[in-house]
PDB file of N, CA and C in Angstrom:
ATOM      1  N   MET A   1     109.249  63.055-174.035  1.00  0.00           N
ATOM      2  CA  MET A   1     109.731  62.611-172.743  1.00  0.00           C
ATOM      3  C   MET A   1     109.188  63.543-171.663  1.00  0.00           C
ATOM      4  N   ALA A   2     107.880  63.623-171.573  1.00  0.00           N
ATOM      5  CA  ALA A   2     107.296  64.644-170.720  1.00  0.00           C
ATOM      6  C   ALA A   2     106.601  64.117-169.477  1.00  0.00           C
ATOM      7  N   ASN A   3     106.262  62.845-169.413  1.00  0.00           N
ATOM      8  CA  ASN A   3     105.535  62.310-168.267  1.00  0.00           C
ATOM      9  C   ASN A   3     106.410  62.387-167.018  1.00  0.00           C
ATOM     10  N   THR A   4     105.867  62.960-165.934  1.00  0.00           N
ATOM     11  CA  THR A   4     106.670  63.182-164.729  1.00  0.00           C
ATOM     12  C   THR A   4     107.003  61.886-163.999  1.00  0.00           C
ATOM     13  N   SER A   5     106.290  60.791-164.281  1.00  0.00           N
ATOM     14  CA  SER A   5     106.582  59.533-163.601  1.00  0.00           C
ATOM     15  C   SER A   5     107.591  58.683-164.371  1.00  0.00           C
ATOM     16  N   ASP A   6     108.033  59.163-165.535  1.00  0.00           N
ATOM     17  CA  ASP A   6     109.007  58.417-166.322  1.00  0.00           C
ATOM     18  C   ASP A   6     110.360  58.398-165.626  1.00  0.00           C
ATOM     19  N   ILE A   7     111.045  57.287-165.776  1.00  0.00           N
ATOM     20  CA  ILE A   7     112.409  57.146-165.266  1.00  0.00           C
ATOM     21  C   ILE A   7     113.264  56.658-166.423  1.00  0.00           C
ATOM     22  N   TYR A   8     114.424  57.272-166.587  1.00  0.00           N
ATOM     23  CA  TYR A   8     115.316  56.925-167.679  1.00  0.00           C
ATOM     24  C   TYR A   8     116.652  56.441-167.129  1.00  0.00           C
ATOM     25  N   LYS A   9     117.149  55.373-167.740  1.00  0.00           N
ATOM     26  CA  LYS A   9     118.494  54.894-167.433  1.00  0.00           C
ATOM     27  C   LYS A   9     119.385  55.380-168.562  1.00  0.00           C
ATOM     28  N   VAL A  10     120.364  56.211-168.218  1.00  0.00           N
ATOM     29  CA  VAL A  10     121.260  56.800-169.203  1.00  0.00           C
ATOM     30  C   VAL A  10     122.641  56.176-169.016  1.00  0.00           C
ATOM     31  N   THR A  11     123.146  55.575-170.084  1.00  0.00           N
ATOM     32  CA  THR A  11     124.468  54.960-170.062  1.00  0.00           C
ATOM     33  C   THR A  11     125.372  55.771-170.987  1.00  0.00           C
ATOM     34  N   PHE A  12     126.511  56.225-170.440  1.00  0.00           N
ATOM     35  CA  PHE A  12     127.406  57.066-171.229  1.00  0.00           C
ATOM     36  C   PHE A  12     128.851  56.870-170.798  1.00  0.00           C
ATOM     37  N   LEU A  13     129.762  57.276-171.682  1.00  0.00           N
ATOM     38  CA  LEU A  13     131.196  57.217-171.405  1.00  0.00           C
ATOM     39  C   LEU A  13     131.650  58.509-170.750  1.00  0.00           C
ATOM     40  N   ASN A  14     132.490  58.367-169.716  1.00  0.00           N
ATOM     41  CA  ASN A  14     133.073  59.524-169.056  1.00  0.00           C
ATOM     42  C   ASN A  14     134.439  59.122-168.521  1.00  0.00           C
ATOM     43  N   LYS A  15     135.481  59.777-169.007  1.00  0.00           N
ATOM     44  CA  LYS A  15     136.854  59.524-168.556  1.00  0.00           C
ATOM     45  C   LYS A  15     137.238  58.050-168.687  1.00  0.00           C
ATOM     46  N   GLY A  16     136.840  57.416-169.780  1.00  0.00           N
ATOM     47  CA  GLY A  16     137.204  56.024-170.034  1.00  0.00           C
ATOM     48  C   GLY A  16     136.389  54.994-169.267  1.00  0.00           C
ATOM     49  N   LYS A  17     135.416  55.438-168.508  1.00  0.00           N
ATOM     50  CA  LYS A  17     134.549  54.539-167.736  1.00  0.00           C
ATOM     51  C   LYS A  17     133.121  54.644-168.267  1.00  0.00           C
ATOM     52  N   VAL A  18     132.344  53.585-168.025  1.00  0.00           N
ATOM     53  CA  VAL A  18     130.942  53.579-168.418  1.00  0.00           C
ATOM     54  C   VAL A  18     130.108  53.946-167.195  1.00  0.00           C
ATOM     55  N   TYR A  19     129.382  55.048-167.288  1.00  0.00           N
ATOM     56  CA  TYR A  19     128.511  55.520-166.214  1.00  0.00           C
ATOM     57  C   TYR A  19     127.083  55.096-166.539  1.00  0.00           C
ATOM     58  N   GLU A  20     126.371  54.636-165.535  1.00  0.00           N
ATOM     59  CA  GLU A  20     124.963  54.282-165.678  1.00  0.00           C
ATOM     60  C   GLU A  20     124.200  54.992-164.572  1.00  0.00           C
ATOM     61  N   VAL A  21     123.366  55.967-164.940  1.00  0.00           N
ATOM     62  CA  VAL A  21     122.632  56.757-163.960  1.00  0.00           C
ATOM     63  C   VAL A  21     121.142  56.718-164.288  1.00  0.00           C
ATOM     64  N   PHE A  22     120.341  57.017-163.283  1.00  0.00           N
ATOM     65  CA  PHE A  22     118.894  57.076-163.438  1.00  0.00           C
ATOM     66  C   PHE A  22     118.450  58.512-163.214  1.00  0.00           C
ATOM     67  N   VAL A  23     117.620  59.001-164.136  1.00  0.00           N
ATOM     68  CA  VAL A  23     117.154  60.387-164.077  1.00  0.00           C
ATOM     69  C   VAL A  23     115.669  60.459-164.427  1.00  0.00           C
ATOM     70  N   LYS A  24     115.069  61.598-164.091  1.00  0.00           N
ATOM     71  CA  LYS A  24     113.657  61.796-164.412  1.00  0.00           C
ATOM     72  C   LYS A  24     113.445  62.600-165.686  1.00  0.00           C
ATOM     73  N   GLN A  25     114.438  63.343-166.110  1.00  0.00           N
ATOM     74  CA  GLN A  25     114.306  64.200-167.295  1.00  0.00           C
ATOM     75  C   GLN A  25     115.479  63.990-168.236  1.00  0.00           C
ATOM     76  N   VAL A  26     115.185  63.753-169.514  1.00  0.00           N
ATOM     77  CA  VAL A  26     116.197  63.650-170.564  1.00  0.00           C
ATOM     78  C   VAL A  26     115.662  64.407-171.773  1.00  0.00           C
ATOM     79  N   TYR A  27     116.479  65.305-172.319  1.00  0.00           N
ATOM     80  CA  TYR A  27     116.050  66.008-173.519  1.00  0.00           C
ATOM     81  C   TYR A  27     117.252  66.575-174.255  1.00  0.00           C
ATOM     82  N   GLN A  28     117.010  66.924-175.532  1.00  0.00           N
ATOM     83  CA  GLN A  28     118.056  67.504-176.352  1.00  0.00           C
ATOM     84  C   GLN A  28     118.331  68.912-175.857  1.00  0.00           C
ATOM     85  N   SER A  29     119.590  69.232-175.713  1.00  0.00           N
ATOM     86  CA  SER A  29     119.995  70.526-175.181  1.00  0.00           C
ATOM     87  C   SER A  29     119.953  71.605-176.247  1.00  0.00           C
ATOM     88  N   ASP A  30     119.853  72.856-175.786  1.00  0.00           N
ATOM     89  CA  ASP A  30     120.007  73.987-176.689  1.00  0.00           C
ATOM     90  C   ASP A  30     121.469  74.147-177.094  1.00  0.00           C
ATOM     91  N   LEU A  31     122.379  73.585-176.292  1.00  0.00           N
ATOM     92  CA  LEU A  31     123.796  73.558-176.654  1.00  0.00           C
ATOM     93  C   LEU A  31     123.977  72.478-177.710  1.00  0.00           C
ATOM     94  N   TYR A  32     124.443  72.851-178.863  1.00  0.00           N
ATOM     95  CA  TYR A  32     124.558  71.919-179.986  1.00  0.00           C
ATOM     96  C   TYR A  32     125.430  70.719-179.626  1.00  0.00           C
ATOM     97  N   GLY A  33     124.908  69.518-179.850  1.00  0.00           N
ATOM     98  CA  GLY A  33     125.674  68.296-179.648  1.00  0.00           C
ATOM     99  C   GLY A  33     125.608  67.731-178.241  1.00  0.00           C
ATOM    100  N   PHE A  34     124.687  68.197-177.414  1.00  0.00           N
ATOM    101  CA  PHE A  34     124.591  67.720-176.043  1.00  0.00           C
ATOM    102  C   PHE A  34     123.176  67.234-175.726  1.00  0.00           C
ATOM    103  N   ILE A  35     123.095  66.288-174.790  1.00  0.00           N
ATOM    104  CA  ILE A  35     121.850  65.820-174.204  1.00  0.00           C
ATOM    105  C   ILE A  35     121.845  66.329-172.760  1.00  0.00           C
ATOM    106  N   GLU A  36     120.708  66.839-172.303  1.00  0.00           N
ATOM    107  CA  GLU A  36     120.593  67.296-170.915  1.00  0.00           C
ATOM    108  C   GLU A  36     119.872  66.241-170.092  1.00  0.00           C
ATOM    109  N   VAL A  37     120.388  65.989-168.912  1.00  0.00           N
ATOM    110  CA  VAL A  37     119.723  65.089-167.967  1.00  0.00           C
ATOM    111  C   VAL A  37     119.538  65.846-166.653  1.00  0.00           C
ATOM    112  N   GLU A  38     118.369  65.642-166.028  1.00  0.00           N
ATOM    113  CA  GLU A  38     118.044  66.330-164.785  1.00  0.00           C
ATOM    114  C   GLU A  38     117.399  65.376-163.800  1.00  0.00           C
ATOM    115  N   GLU A  39     117.391  65.781-162.551  1.00  0.00           N
ATOM    116  CA  GLU A  39     116.733  65.057-161.465  1.00  0.00           C
ATOM    117  C   GLU A  39     117.285  63.630-161.325  1.00  0.00           C
ATOM    118  N   PHE A  40     118.531  63.565-160.920  1.00  0.00           N
ATOM    119  CA  PHE A  40     119.188  62.275-160.698  1.00  0.00           C
ATOM    120  C   PHE A  40     118.480  61.507-159.587  1.00  0.00           C
ATOM    121  N   ILE A  41     118.379  60.196-159.765  1.00  0.00           N
ATOM    122  CA  ILE A  41     117.731  59.328-158.777  1.00  0.00           C
ATOM    123  C   ILE A  41     118.769  58.330-158.275  1.00  0.00           C
ATOM    124  N   PHE A  42     118.952  58.302-156.972  1.00  0.00           N
ATOM    125  CA  PHE A  42     119.836  57.315-156.353  1.00  0.00           C
ATOM    126  C   PHE A  42     119.027  56.553-155.317  1.00  0.00           C
ATOM    127  N   ASN A  43     119.317  55.260-155.183  1.00  0.00           N
ATOM    128  CA  ASN A  43     118.604  54.445-154.194  1.00  0.00           C
ATOM    129  C   ASN A  43     118.912  54.965-152.800  1.00  0.00           C
ATOM    130  N   GLU A  44     117.891  55.251-152.055  1.00  0.00           N
ATOM    131  CA  GLU A  44     118.045  55.738-150.680  1.00  0.00           C
ATOM    132  C   GLU A  44     117.731  54.592-149.720  1.00  0.00           C
ATOM    133  N   ARG A  45     118.504  53.546-149.831  1.00  0.00           N
ATOM    134  CA  ARG A  45     118.277  52.379-148.985  1.00  0.00           C
ATOM    135  C   ARG A  45     118.950  52.559-147.638  1.00  0.00           C
ATOM    136  N   SER A  46     118.370  51.979-146.638  1.00  0.00           N
ATOM    137  CA  SER A  46     118.986  52.018-145.310  1.00  0.00           C
ATOM    138  C   SER A  46     119.582  50.653-145.000  1.00  0.00           C
ATOM    139  N   GLN A  47     120.391  50.160-145.931  1.00  0.00           N
ATOM    140  CA  GLN A  47     121.026  48.858-145.762  1.00  0.00           C
ATOM    141  C   GLN A  47     122.425  49.028-145.197  1.00  0.00           C
ATOM    142  N   VAL A  48     122.906  47.976-144.616  1.00  0.00           N
ATOM    143  CA  VAL A  48     124.275  47.975-144.116  1.00  0.00           C
ATOM    144  C   VAL A  48     125.256  47.869-145.276  1.00  0.00           C
ATOM    145  N   VAL A  49     124.887  47.129-146.323  1.00  0.00           N
ATOM    146  CA  VAL A  49     125.749  46.955-147.486  1.00  0.00           C
ATOM    147  C   VAL A  49     125.637  48.196-148.369  1.00  0.00           C
ATOM    148  N   VAL A  50     126.776  48.794-148.671  1.00  0.00           N
ATOM    149  CA  VAL A  50     126.820  50.006-149.480  1.00  0.00           C
ATOM    150  C   VAL A  50     127.611  49.707-150.743  1.00  0.00           C
ATOM    151  N   ASP A  51     127.052  50.063-151.888  1.00  0.00           N
ATOM    152  CA  ASP A  51     127.745  49.886-153.161  1.00  0.00           C
ATOM    153  C   ASP A  51     128.689  51.069-153.362  1.00  0.00           C
ATOM    154  N   PRO A  52     130.012  50.828-153.361  1.00  0.00           N
ATOM    155  CA  PRO A  52     130.957  51.946-153.478  1.00  0.00           C
ATOM    156  C   PRO A  52     130.830  52.697-154.799  1.00  0.00           C
ATOM    157  N   SER A  53     130.454  51.998-155.861  1.00  0.00           N
ATOM    158  CA  SER A  53     130.293  52.641-157.158  1.00  0.00           C
ATOM    159  C   SER A  53     129.140  53.644-157.122  1.00  0.00           C
ATOM    160  N   GLU A  54     128.024  53.246-156.509  1.00  0.00           N
ATOM    161  CA  GLU A  54     126.884  54.153-156.409  1.00  0.00           C
ATOM    162  C   GLU A  54     127.211  55.328-155.482  1.00  0.00           C
ATOM    163  N   GLU A  55     127.939  55.069-154.415  1.00  0.00           N
ATOM    164  CA  GLU A  55     128.325  56.144-153.504  1.00  0.00           C
ATOM    165  C   GLU A  55     129.227  57.154-154.204  1.00  0.00           C
ATOM    166  N   LYS A  56     130.120  56.660-155.068  1.00  0.00           N
ATOM    167  CA  LYS A  56     130.997  57.560-155.815  1.00  0.00           C
ATOM    168  C   LYS A  56     130.175  58.442-156.753  1.00  0.00           C
ATOM    169  N   LEU A  57     129.169  57.853-157.405  1.00  0.00           N
ATOM    170  CA  LEU A  57     128.304  58.633-158.283  1.00  0.00           C
ATOM    171  C   LEU A  57     127.493  59.662-157.500  1.00  0.00           C
ATOM    172  N   LYS A  58     126.981  59.263-156.333  1.00  0.00           N
ATOM    173  CA  LYS A  58     126.222  60.197-155.500  1.00  0.00           C
ATOM    174  C   LYS A  58     127.087  61.393-155.129  1.00  0.00           C
ATOM    175  N   THR A  59     128.333  61.129-154.786  1.00  0.00           N
ATOM    176  CA  THR A  59     129.255  62.200-154.426  1.00  0.00           C
ATOM    177  C   THR A  59     129.572  63.072-155.632  1.00  0.00           C
ATOM    178  N   GLU A  60     129.822  62.437-156.782  1.00  0.00           N
ATOM    179  CA  GLU A  60     130.180  63.184-157.988  1.00  0.00           C
ATOM    180  C   GLU A  60     129.036  64.089-158.464  1.00  0.00           C
ATOM    181  N   PHE A  61     127.801  63.622-158.332  1.00  0.00           N
ATOM    182  CA  PHE A  61     126.656  64.395-158.813  1.00  0.00           C
ATOM    183  C   PHE A  61     125.919  65.126-157.694  1.00  0.00           C
ATOM    184  N   ALA A  62     126.494  65.175-156.500  1.00  0.00           N
ATOM    185  CA  ALA A  62     125.879  65.913-155.396  1.00  0.00           C
ATOM    186  C   ALA A  62     125.808  67.393-155.760  1.00  0.00           C
ATOM    187  N   GLY A  63     124.640  67.972-155.636  1.00  0.00           N
ATOM    188  CA  GLY A  63     124.464  69.383-155.933  1.00  0.00           C
ATOM    189  C   GLY A  63     124.309  69.709-157.408  1.00  0.00           C
ATOM    190  N   VAL A  64     124.333  68.701-158.280  1.00  0.00           N
ATOM    191  CA  VAL A  64     124.193  68.931-159.715  1.00  0.00           C
ATOM    192  C   VAL A  64     122.708  68.943-160.064  1.00  0.00           C
ATOM    193  N   ARG A  65     122.231  70.054-160.597  1.00  0.00           N
ATOM    194  CA  ARG A  65     120.825  70.142-161.007  1.00  0.00           C
ATOM    195  C   ARG A  65     120.630  69.589-162.407  1.00  0.00           C
ATOM    196  N   ARG A  66     121.594  69.860-163.277  1.00  0.00           N
ATOM    197  CA  ARG A  66     121.483  69.465-164.679  1.00  0.00           C
ATOM    198  C   ARG A  66     122.865  69.114-165.191  1.00  0.00           C
ATOM    199  N   SER A  67     122.936  68.083-166.008  1.00  0.00           N
ATOM    200  CA  SER A  67     124.215  67.678-166.584  1.00  0.00           C
ATOM    201  C   SER A  67     124.083  67.646-168.106  1.00  0.00           C
ATOM    202  N   PHE A  68     125.101  68.120-168.776  1.00  0.00           N
ATOM    203  CA  PHE A  68     125.135  68.136-170.235  1.00  0.00           C
ATOM    204  C   PHE A  68     126.101  67.055-170.688  1.00  0.00           C
ATOM    205  N   ILE A  69     125.605  66.083-171.432  1.00  0.00           N
ATOM    206  CA  ILE A  69     126.427  64.953-171.871  1.00  0.00           C
ATOM    207  C   ILE A  69     126.575  65.044-173.390  1.00  0.00           C
ATOM    208  N   PRO A  70     127.811  64.992-173.900  1.00  0.00           N
ATOM    209  CA  PRO A  70     128.012  65.054-175.356  1.00  0.00           C
ATOM    210  C   PRO A  70     127.324  63.870-176.047  1.00  0.00           C
ATOM    211  N   LEU A  71     126.722  64.140-177.201  1.00  0.00           N
ATOM    212  CA  LEU A  71     126.023  63.083-177.933  1.00  0.00           C
ATOM    213  C   LEU A  71     126.907  61.876-178.215  1.00  0.00           C
ATOM    214  N   GLN A  72     128.169  62.109-178.569  1.00  0.00           N
ATOM    215  CA  GLN A  72     129.048  60.996-178.909  1.00  0.00           C
ATOM    216  C   GLN A  72     129.418  60.151-177.697  1.00  0.00           C
ATOM    217  N   ALA A  73     129.162  60.649-176.477  1.00  0.00           N
ATOM    218  CA  ALA A  73     129.445  59.878-175.266  1.00  0.00           C
ATOM    219  C   ALA A  73     128.277  58.977-174.876  1.00  0.00           C
ATOM    220  N   ILE A  74     127.084  59.260-175.395  1.00  0.00           N
ATOM    221  CA  ILE A  74     125.896  58.472-175.049  1.00  0.00           C
ATOM    222  C   ILE A  74     126.003  57.086-175.669  1.00  0.00           C
ATOM    223  N   ILE A  75     125.828  56.080-174.843  1.00  0.00           N
ATOM    224  CA  ILE A  75     125.784  54.700-175.326  1.00  0.00           C
ATOM    225  C   ILE A  75     124.337  54.279-175.524  1.00  0.00           C
ATOM    226  N   ARG A  76     123.494  54.611-174.535  1.00  0.00           N
ATOM    227  CA  ARG A  76     122.113  54.148-174.584  1.00  0.00           C
ATOM    228  C   ARG A  76     121.257  54.948-173.604  1.00  0.00           C
ATOM    229  N   ILE A  77     119.984  55.149-173.970  1.00  0.00           N
ATOM    230  CA  ILE A  77     119.000  55.751-173.074  1.00  0.00           C
ATOM    231  C   ILE A  77     117.777  54.843-173.088  1.00  0.00           C
ATOM    232  N   ASP A  78     117.399  54.340-171.916  1.00  0.00           N
ATOM    233  CA  ASP A  78     116.249  53.450-171.790  1.00  0.00           C
ATOM    234  C   ASP A  78     115.216  54.068-170.870  1.00  0.00           C
ATOM    235  N   GLU A  79     113.943  53.949-171.221  1.00  0.00           N
ATOM    236  CA  GLU A  79     112.870  54.307-170.310  1.00  0.00           C
ATOM    237  C   GLU A  79     112.563  53.039-169.515  1.00  0.00           C
ATOM    238  N   VAL A  80     112.656  53.118-168.187  1.00  0.00           N
ATOM    239  CA  VAL A  80     112.491  51.946-167.331  1.00  0.00           C
ATOM    240  C   VAL A  80     111.325  52.140-166.377  1.00  0.00           C
ATOM    241  N   GLU A  81     110.846  51.024-165.817  1.00  0.00           N
ATOM    242  CA  GLU A  81     109.718  51.081-164.898  1.00  0.00           C
ATOM    243  C   GLU A  81     110.138  51.503-163.494  1.00  0.00           C
ATOM    244  N   LYS A  82     111.340  51.092-163.085  1.00  0.00           N
ATOM    245  CA  LYS A  82     111.820  51.464-161.755  1.00  0.00           C
ATOM    246  C   LYS A  82     113.331  51.619-161.795  1.00  0.00           C
ATOM    247  N   THR A  83     113.855  52.290-160.780  1.00  0.00           N
ATOM    248  CA  THR A  83     115.300  52.537-160.742  1.00  0.00           C
ATOM    249  C   THR A  83     116.051  51.270-160.372  1.00  0.00           C
ATOM    250  N   GLY A  84     117.297  51.265-160.722  1.00  0.00           N
ATOM    251  CA  GLY A  84     118.211  50.211-160.324  1.00  0.00           C
ATOM    252  C   GLY A  84     119.367  50.858-159.596  1.00  0.00           C
ATOM    253  N   VAL A  85     120.469  50.185-159.587  1.00  0.00           N
ATOM    254  CA  VAL A  85     121.656  50.709-158.920  1.00  0.00           C
ATOM    255  C   VAL A  85     122.483  51.489-159.934  1.00  0.00           C
ATOM    256  N   ALA A  86     122.721  52.758-159.645  1.00  0.00           N
ATOM    257  CA  ALA A  86     123.613  53.562-160.472  1.00  0.00           C
ATOM    258  C   ALA A  86     125.021  53.032-160.273  1.00  0.00           C
ATOM    259  N   LYS A  87     125.804  52.990-161.367  1.00  0.00           N
ATOM    260  CA  LYS A  87     127.138  52.395-161.227  1.00  0.00           C
ATOM    261  C   LYS A  87     128.113  52.955-162.246  1.00  0.00           C
ATOM    262  N   ILE A  88     129.365  52.722-161.939  1.00  0.00           N
ATOM    263  CA  ILE A  88     130.467  53.031-162.843  1.00  0.00           C
ATOM    264  C   ILE A  88     131.176  51.710-163.110  1.00  0.00           C
ATOM    265  N   SER A  89     131.385  51.392-164.379  1.00  0.00           N
ATOM    266  CA  SER A  89     132.114  50.168-164.713  1.00  0.00           C
ATOM    267  C   SER A  89     133.229  50.511-165.690  1.00  0.00           C
ATOM    268  N   SER A  90     134.151  49.592-165.856  1.00  0.00           N
ATOM    269  CA  SER A  90     135.269  49.850-166.757  1.00  0.00           C
ATOM    270  C   SER A  90     134.759  49.898-168.189  1.00  0.00           C
ATOM    271  N   GLY A  91     135.366  50.708-168.982  1.00  0.00           N
ATOM    272  CA  GLY A  91     134.973  50.845-170.377  1.00  0.00           C
ATOM    273  C   GLY A  91     135.901  50.088-171.292  1.00  0.00           C
ATOM    274  N   ASP A  92     136.376  48.929-170.847  1.00  0.00           N
ATOM    275  CA  ASP A  92     137.357  48.164-171.616  1.00  0.00           C
ATOM    276  C   ASP A  92     136.847  47.749-172.997  1.00  0.00           C
ATOM    277  N   ASN A  93     135.581  47.402-173.096  1.00  0.00           N
ATOM    278  CA  ASN A  93     135.043  46.903-174.360  1.00  0.00           C
ATOM    279  C   ASN A  93     134.270  47.967-175.132  1.00  0.00           C
ATOM    280  N   VAL A  94     134.336  49.210-174.691  1.00  0.00           N
ATOM    281  CA  VAL A  94     133.572  50.276-175.326  1.00  0.00           C
ATOM    282  C   VAL A  94     134.528  51.407-175.678  1.00  0.00           C
ATOM    283  N   SER A  95     134.367  51.945-176.881  1.00  0.00           N
ATOM    284  CA  SER A  95     135.157  53.112-177.254  1.00  0.00           C
ATOM    285  C   SER A  95     134.217  54.187-177.774  1.00  0.00           C
ATOM    286  N   PRO A  96     134.605  55.447-177.651  1.00  0.00           N
ATOM    287  CA  PRO A  96     133.734  56.527-178.099  1.00  0.00           C
ATOM    288  C   PRO A  96     133.486  56.446-179.595  1.00  0.00           C
ATOM    289  N   PHE A  97     132.312  56.876-180.002  1.00  0.00           N
ATOM    290  CA  PHE A  97     131.966  56.916-181.413  1.00  0.00           C
ATOM    291  C   PHE A  97     132.724  58.057-182.066  1.00  0.00           C
ATOM    292  N   PRO A  98     133.478  57.788-183.127  1.00  0.00           N
ATOM    293  CA  PRO A  98     134.244  58.868-183.761  1.00  0.00           C
ATOM    294  C   PRO A  98     133.312  59.821-184.498  1.00  0.00           C
ATOM    295  N   VAL A  99     133.380  61.080-184.122  1.00  0.00           N
ATOM    296  CA  VAL A  99     132.515  62.081-184.731  1.00  0.00           C
ATOM    297  C   VAL A  99     133.352  63.283-185.127  1.00  0.00           C
ATOM    298  N   SER A 100     133.166  63.722-186.348  1.00  0.00           N
ATOM    299  CA  SER A 100     133.806  64.954-186.794  1.00  0.00           C
ATOM    300  C   SER A 100     132.696  65.910-187.195  1.00  0.00           C
ATOM    301  N   LEU A 101     132.530  66.977-186.427  1.00  0.00           N
ATOM    302  CA  LEU A 101     131.479  67.936-186.717  1.00  0.00           C
ATOM    303  C   LEU A 101     131.918  68.971-187.745  1.00  0.00           C
ATOM    304  N   VAL A 102     133.220  69.089-187.974  1.00  0.00           N
ATOM    305  CA  VAL A 102     133.748  70.056-188.924  1.00  0.00           C
ATOM    306  C   VAL A 102     134.537  69.287-189.973  1.00  0.00           C
ATOM    307  N   ALA A 103     134.206  69.480-191.227  1.00  0.00           N
ATOM    308  CA  ALA A 103     134.915  68.811-192.312  1.00  0.00           C
ATOM    309  C   ALA A 103     136.273  69.466-192.514  1.00  0.00           C
ATOM    310  N   SER A 104     137.267  68.662-192.724  1.00  0.00           N
ATOM    311  CA  SER A 104     138.598  69.206-192.994  1.00  0.00           C
ATOM    312  C   SER A 104     138.687  69.612-194.460  1.00  0.00           C
ATOM    313  N   LYS A 105     139.744  70.332-194.823  1.00  0.00           N
ATOM    314  CA  LYS A 105     139.917  70.767-196.209  1.00  0.00           C
ATOM    315  C   LYS A 105     140.067  69.572-197.146  1.00  0.00           C
ATOM    316  N   MET A 106     140.643  68.479-196.639  1.00  0.00           N
ATOM    317  CA  MET A 106     140.841  67.297-197.476  1.00  0.00           C
ATOM    318  C   MET A 106     139.504  66.613-197.774  1.00  0.00           C
ATOM    319  N   ASP A 107     138.493  66.794-196.915  1.00  0.00           N
ATOM    320  CA  ASP A 107     137.195  66.174-197.109  1.00  0.00           C
ATOM    321  C   ASP A 107     136.297  66.987-198.039  1.00  0.00           C
ATOM    322  N   SER A 108     136.669  68.230-198.328  1.00  0.00           N
ATOM    323  CA  SER A 108     135.795  69.074-199.125  1.00  0.00           C
ATOM    324  C   SER A 108     135.845  68.648-200.589  1.00  0.00           C
ATOM    325  N   PRO A 109     134.728  68.795-201.325  1.00  0.00           N
ATOM    326  CA  PRO A 109     134.670  68.344-202.720  1.00  0.00           C
ATOM    327  C   PRO A 109     135.533  69.186-203.646  1.00  0.00           C
ATOM    328  N   GLU A 110     135.936  70.408-203.235  1.00  0.00           N
ATOM    329  CA  GLU A 110     136.742  71.253-204.122  1.00  0.00           C
ATOM    330  C   GLU A 110     138.181  70.802-204.222  1.00  0.00           C
ATOM    331  N   SER A 111     138.704  69.981-203.268  1.00  0.00           N
ATOM    332  CA  SER A 111     140.124  69.617-203.324  1.00  0.00           C
ATOM    333  C   SER A 111     140.384  68.408-204.139  1.00  0.00           C
TER     334      SER A 111
END
């Protein structure tokens, strides 16, 4: 994921909502279990109509250089030709993927 003209649409769960953002950099983090995203892209349109969902995302990620997203929160990462509208939607039909990184004593073969 090294080409500087690449654009990625990252869809992930956050606080029970589905976030869809556009970024220029996506890579596996040195922090175990996280994906790093950098260089957020928001439409800089000079339209009268403003999408409140995109404005909320712009405000939430204002000043953020890099974001670390847990692997289990990632729904999808797409390489796209151009940006779309970043948005937040309800996560009614999506639930987090259950992940256990540490085996319990009951899961161990010795018990």
